[in-house]
Amino acid sequence: MTKILTFAVLFLAITIIGSIYRAIKGPSAADRLIAINVIGTKTIVLILMISLLLGETFFVDVAIVYALISFVASIVIANYIQN
């Protein structure tokens, strides 16, 4: 099972890099906002997968805090784009 999780973590990290490219190159501000949301979501999943892989439960708390910060940042950025 650890081989599958390790592969999934590496694959997720590669897709985060692709999302970073879209966040930088995105043709519109909405595309960039969506890319930032995708990066945040994938990072949360990555943290939780590493928590499962290492068997450490405190990473779950880190993922929850990161999710809250990502949500607030998305709201602020969307408000900035709207105005």
N, C-alpha and C. Protein backbone atom coordinates (compact mmCIF):
# COMPACT_ATOMS: atom_id res chain seq x y z
N MET A 1 0.81 -1.19 0.00
CA MET A 1 0.00 0.00 0.00
C MET A 1 0.85 1.26 0.00
N THR A 2 2.04 1.17 0.59
CA THR A 2 2.89 2.36 0.63
C THR A 2 3.40 2.73 -0.76
N LYS A 3 3.57 1.74 -1.64
CA LYS A 3 4.02 2.05 -3.00
C LYS A 3 2.95 2.82 -3.76
N ILE A 4 1.70 2.45 -3.56
CA ILE A 4 0.61 3.15 -4.23
C ILE A 4 0.49 4.57 -3.70
N LEU A 5 0.60 4.74 -2.38
CA LEU A 5 0.52 6.09 -1.80
C LEU A 5 1.69 6.95 -2.24
N THR A 6 2.87 6.36 -2.31
CA THR A 6 4.04 7.11 -2.76
C THR A 6 3.86 7.56 -4.20
N PHE A 7 3.38 6.68 -5.06
CA PHE A 7 3.12 7.05 -6.45
C PHE A 7 2.06 8.14 -6.52
N ALA A 8 1.02 8.03 -5.72
CA ALA A 8 -0.06 9.03 -5.72
C ALA A 8 0.46 10.39 -5.26
N VAL A 9 1.32 10.41 -4.25
CA VAL A 9 1.91 11.66 -3.77
C VAL A 9 2.76 12.30 -4.87
N LEU A 10 3.57 11.51 -5.54
CA LEU A 10 4.40 12.06 -6.62
C LEU A 10 3.55 12.56 -7.78
N PHE A 11 2.52 11.81 -8.15
CA PHE A 11 1.65 12.23 -9.23
C PHE A 11 0.91 13.52 -8.87
N LEU A 12 0.46 13.62 -7.63
CA LEU A 12 -0.23 14.82 -7.18
C LEU A 12 0.71 16.02 -7.18
N ALA A 13 1.95 15.81 -6.80
CA ALA A 13 2.93 16.90 -6.82
C ALA A 13 3.18 17.38 -8.25
N ILE A 14 3.22 16.47 -9.20
CA ILE A 14 3.41 16.86 -10.60
C ILE A 14 2.21 17.65 -11.12
N THR A 15 1.01 17.24 -10.73
CA THR A 15 -0.17 17.98 -11.18
C THR A 15 -0.26 19.36 -10.52
N ILE A 16 0.28 19.50 -9.31
CA ILE A 16 0.34 20.81 -8.68
C ILE A 16 1.26 21.73 -9.48
N ILE A 17 2.35 21.20 -9.99
CA ILE A 17 3.26 22.00 -10.81
C ILE A 17 2.55 22.47 -12.08
N GLY A 18 1.74 21.59 -12.68
CA GLY A 18 0.96 22.00 -13.84
C GLY A 18 -0.05 23.09 -13.51
N SER A 19 -0.62 23.02 -12.33
CA SER A 19 -1.57 24.05 -11.91
C SER A 19 -0.86 25.37 -11.64
N ILE A 20 0.36 25.31 -11.14
CA ILE A 20 1.14 26.53 -10.93
C ILE A 20 1.40 27.22 -12.26
N TYR A 21 1.68 26.44 -13.29
CA TYR A 21 1.88 27.00 -14.62
C TYR A 21 0.61 27.73 -15.07
N ARG A 22 -0.56 27.13 -14.86
CA ARG A 22 -1.82 27.76 -15.25
C ARG A 22 -2.09 29.01 -14.44
N ALA A 23 -1.70 29.01 -13.17
CA ALA A 23 -1.91 30.19 -12.33
C ALA A 23 -1.04 31.36 -12.79
N ILE A 24 0.12 31.06 -13.30
CA ILE A 24 1.01 32.12 -13.78
C ILE A 24 0.62 32.57 -15.18
N LYS A 25 0.33 31.64 -16.04
CA LYS A 25 0.10 31.93 -17.46
C LYS A 25 -1.36 32.22 -17.80
N GLY A 26 -2.29 31.90 -16.90
CA GLY A 26 -3.72 31.98 -17.17
C GLY A 26 -4.14 33.21 -17.97
N PRO A 27 -5.00 33.03 -18.95
CA PRO A 27 -5.37 34.16 -19.79
C PRO A 27 -6.25 35.19 -19.08
N SER A 28 -6.98 34.79 -18.06
CA SER A 28 -7.82 35.76 -17.35
C SER A 28 -7.65 35.60 -15.84
N ALA A 29 -8.16 36.57 -15.12
CA ALA A 29 -8.05 36.52 -13.67
C ALA A 29 -8.88 35.37 -13.09
N ALA A 30 -10.01 35.07 -13.72
CA ALA A 30 -10.83 33.95 -13.24
C ALA A 30 -10.10 32.63 -13.38
N ASP A 31 -9.37 32.45 -14.48
CA ASP A 31 -8.58 31.23 -14.66
C ASP A 31 -7.51 31.11 -13.58
N ARG A 32 -6.91 32.24 -13.25
CA ARG A 32 -5.88 32.23 -12.20
C ARG A 32 -6.48 31.89 -10.84
N LEU A 33 -7.67 32.42 -10.57
CA LEU A 33 -8.33 32.13 -9.30
C LEU A 33 -8.68 30.64 -9.19
N ILE A 34 -9.18 30.08 -10.27
CA ILE A 34 -9.50 28.65 -10.27
C ILE A 34 -8.24 27.82 -10.08
N ALA A 35 -7.15 28.22 -10.73
CA ALA A 35 -5.89 27.49 -10.58
C ALA A 35 -5.39 27.56 -9.14
N ILE A 36 -5.54 28.70 -8.50
CA ILE A 36 -5.11 28.83 -7.10
C ILE A 36 -5.97 27.95 -6.21
N ASN A 37 -7.28 27.87 -6.48
CA ASN A 37 -8.15 26.99 -5.71
C ASN A 37 -7.77 25.52 -5.90
N VAL A 38 -7.44 25.16 -7.12
CA VAL A 38 -7.02 23.78 -7.40
C VAL A 38 -5.72 23.45 -6.67
N ILE A 39 -4.79 24.39 -6.68
CA ILE A 39 -3.52 24.18 -5.97
C ILE A 39 -3.77 23.99 -4.48
N GLY A 40 -4.65 24.82 -3.91
CA GLY A 40 -4.96 24.70 -2.49
C GLY A 40 -5.59 23.36 -2.16
N THR A 41 -6.54 22.93 -2.98
CA THR A 41 -7.21 21.65 -2.74
C THR A 41 -6.24 20.48 -2.87
N LYS A 42 -5.42 20.51 -3.90
CA LYS A 42 -4.45 19.43 -4.09
C LYS A 42 -3.41 19.41 -2.97
N THR A 43 -3.05 20.56 -2.46
CA THR A 43 -2.09 20.62 -1.37
C THR A 43 -2.68 20.02 -0.10
N ILE A 44 -3.97 20.28 0.14
CA ILE A 44 -4.64 19.70 1.30
C ILE A 44 -4.66 18.17 1.18
N VAL A 45 -5.00 17.68 0.01
CA VAL A 45 -5.01 16.23 -0.21
C VAL A 45 -3.60 15.65 -0.07
N LEU A 46 -2.62 16.37 -0.56
CA LEU A 46 -1.23 15.93 -0.44
C LEU A 46 -0.80 15.83 1.02
N ILE A 47 -1.15 16.82 1.82
CA ILE A 47 -0.82 16.80 3.24
C ILE A 47 -1.50 15.60 3.92
N LEU A 48 -2.76 15.35 3.58
CA LEU A 48 -3.47 14.24 4.20
C LEU A 48 -2.89 12.89 3.76
N MET A 49 -2.47 12.78 2.51
CA MET A 49 -1.86 11.53 2.05
C MET A 49 -0.51 11.29 2.74
N ILE A 50 0.26 12.35 2.93
CA ILE A 50 1.53 12.20 3.64
C ILE A 50 1.28 11.83 5.09
N SER A 51 0.21 12.39 5.67
CA SER A 51 -0.16 12.02 7.04
C SER A 51 -0.47 10.53 7.13
N LEU A 52 -1.21 10.03 6.16
CA LEU A 52 -1.53 8.60 6.14
C LEU A 52 -0.28 7.76 5.90
N LEU A 53 0.58 8.23 5.02
CA LEU A 53 1.80 7.49 4.70
C LEU A 53 2.74 7.40 5.90
N LEU A 54 2.88 8.50 6.64
CA LEU A 54 3.78 8.53 7.79
C LEU A 54 3.13 8.05 9.08
N GLY A 55 1.81 7.98 9.09
CA GLY A 55 1.10 7.55 10.29
C GLY A 55 1.06 8.61 11.37
N GLU A 56 1.17 9.87 10.99
CA GLU A 56 1.14 10.98 11.96
C GLU A 56 -0.20 11.68 11.86
N THR A 57 -0.87 11.88 12.98
CA THR A 57 -2.19 12.48 12.96
C THR A 57 -2.18 14.00 13.04
N PHE A 58 -1.08 14.59 13.47
CA PHE A 58 -1.07 16.05 13.60
C PHE A 58 -1.09 16.76 12.24
N PHE A 59 -0.77 16.04 11.17
CA PHE A 59 -0.86 16.64 9.84
C PHE A 59 -2.31 16.94 9.45
N VAL A 60 -3.24 16.22 10.03
CA VAL A 60 -4.66 16.47 9.75
C VAL A 60 -5.03 17.86 10.25
N ASP A 61 -4.54 18.24 11.41
CA ASP A 61 -4.78 19.60 11.93
C ASP A 61 -4.18 20.65 11.01
N VAL A 62 -3.00 20.37 10.50
CA VAL A 62 -2.35 21.29 9.57
C VAL A 62 -3.19 21.43 8.30
N ALA A 63 -3.73 20.33 7.81
CA ALA A 63 -4.55 20.37 6.60
C ALA A 63 -5.84 21.16 6.83
N ILE A 64 -6.43 21.04 8.01
CA ILE A 64 -7.65 21.79 8.31
C ILE A 64 -7.36 23.29 8.35
N VAL A 65 -6.28 23.67 8.99
CA VAL A 65 -5.91 25.09 9.05
C VAL A 65 -5.59 25.61 7.66
N TYR A 66 -4.89 24.82 6.87
CA TYR A 66 -4.56 25.22 5.51
C TYR A 66 -5.84 25.38 4.67
N ALA A 67 -6.82 24.53 4.89
CA ALA A 67 -8.09 24.63 4.16
C ALA A 67 -8.82 25.92 4.53
N LEU A 68 -8.81 26.27 5.79
CA LEU A 68 -9.45 27.52 6.22
C LEU A 68 -8.76 28.74 5.62
N ILE A 69 -7.44 28.74 5.62
CA ILE A 69 -6.69 29.85 5.05
C ILE A 69 -6.92 29.93 3.54
N SER A 70 -6.95 28.80 2.88
CA SER A 70 -7.19 28.76 1.43
C SER A 70 -8.58 29.28 1.10
N PHE A 71 -9.57 28.93 1.90
CA PHE A 71 -10.93 29.41 1.68
C PHE A 71 -11.02 30.92 1.83
N VAL A 72 -10.44 31.45 2.89
CA VAL A 72 -10.48 32.89 3.11
C VAL A 72 -9.72 33.62 2.00
N ALA A 73 -8.60 33.09 1.58
CA ALA A 73 -7.84 33.71 0.50
C ALA A 73 -8.63 33.70 -0.80
N SER A 74 -9.35 32.64 -1.08
CA SER A 74 -10.17 32.57 -2.29
C SER A 74 -11.27 33.62 -2.27
N ILE A 75 -11.90 33.80 -1.12
CA ILE A 75 -12.95 34.81 -0.99
C ILE A 75 -12.37 36.21 -1.21
N VAL A 76 -11.23 36.49 -0.62
CA VAL A 76 -10.60 37.81 -0.75
C VAL A 76 -10.21 38.06 -2.20
N ILE A 77 -9.61 37.09 -2.85
CA ILE A 77 -9.19 37.26 -4.24
C ILE A 77 -10.40 37.43 -5.16
N ALA A 78 -11.44 36.67 -4.92
CA ALA A 78 -12.66 36.79 -5.75
C ALA A 78 -13.31 38.17 -5.56
N ASN A 79 -13.28 38.67 -4.34
CA ASN A 79 -13.82 40.01 -4.08
C ASN A 79 -12.97 41.06 -4.79
N TYR A 80 -11.66 40.86 -4.79
CA TYR A 80 -10.76 41.82 -5.46
C TYR A 80 -10.99 41.79 -6.97
N ILE A 81 -11.22 40.62 -7.54
CA ILE A 81 -11.44 40.50 -8.98
C ILE A 81 -12.77 41.14 -9.36
N GLN A 82 -13.78 40.97 -8.50
CA GLN A 82 -15.10 41.49 -8.80
C GLN A 82 -15.11 43.02 -8.84
N ASN A 83 -14.33 43.65 -7.98
CA ASN A 83 -14.30 45.13 -7.93
C ASN A 83 -13.35 45.69 -8.88
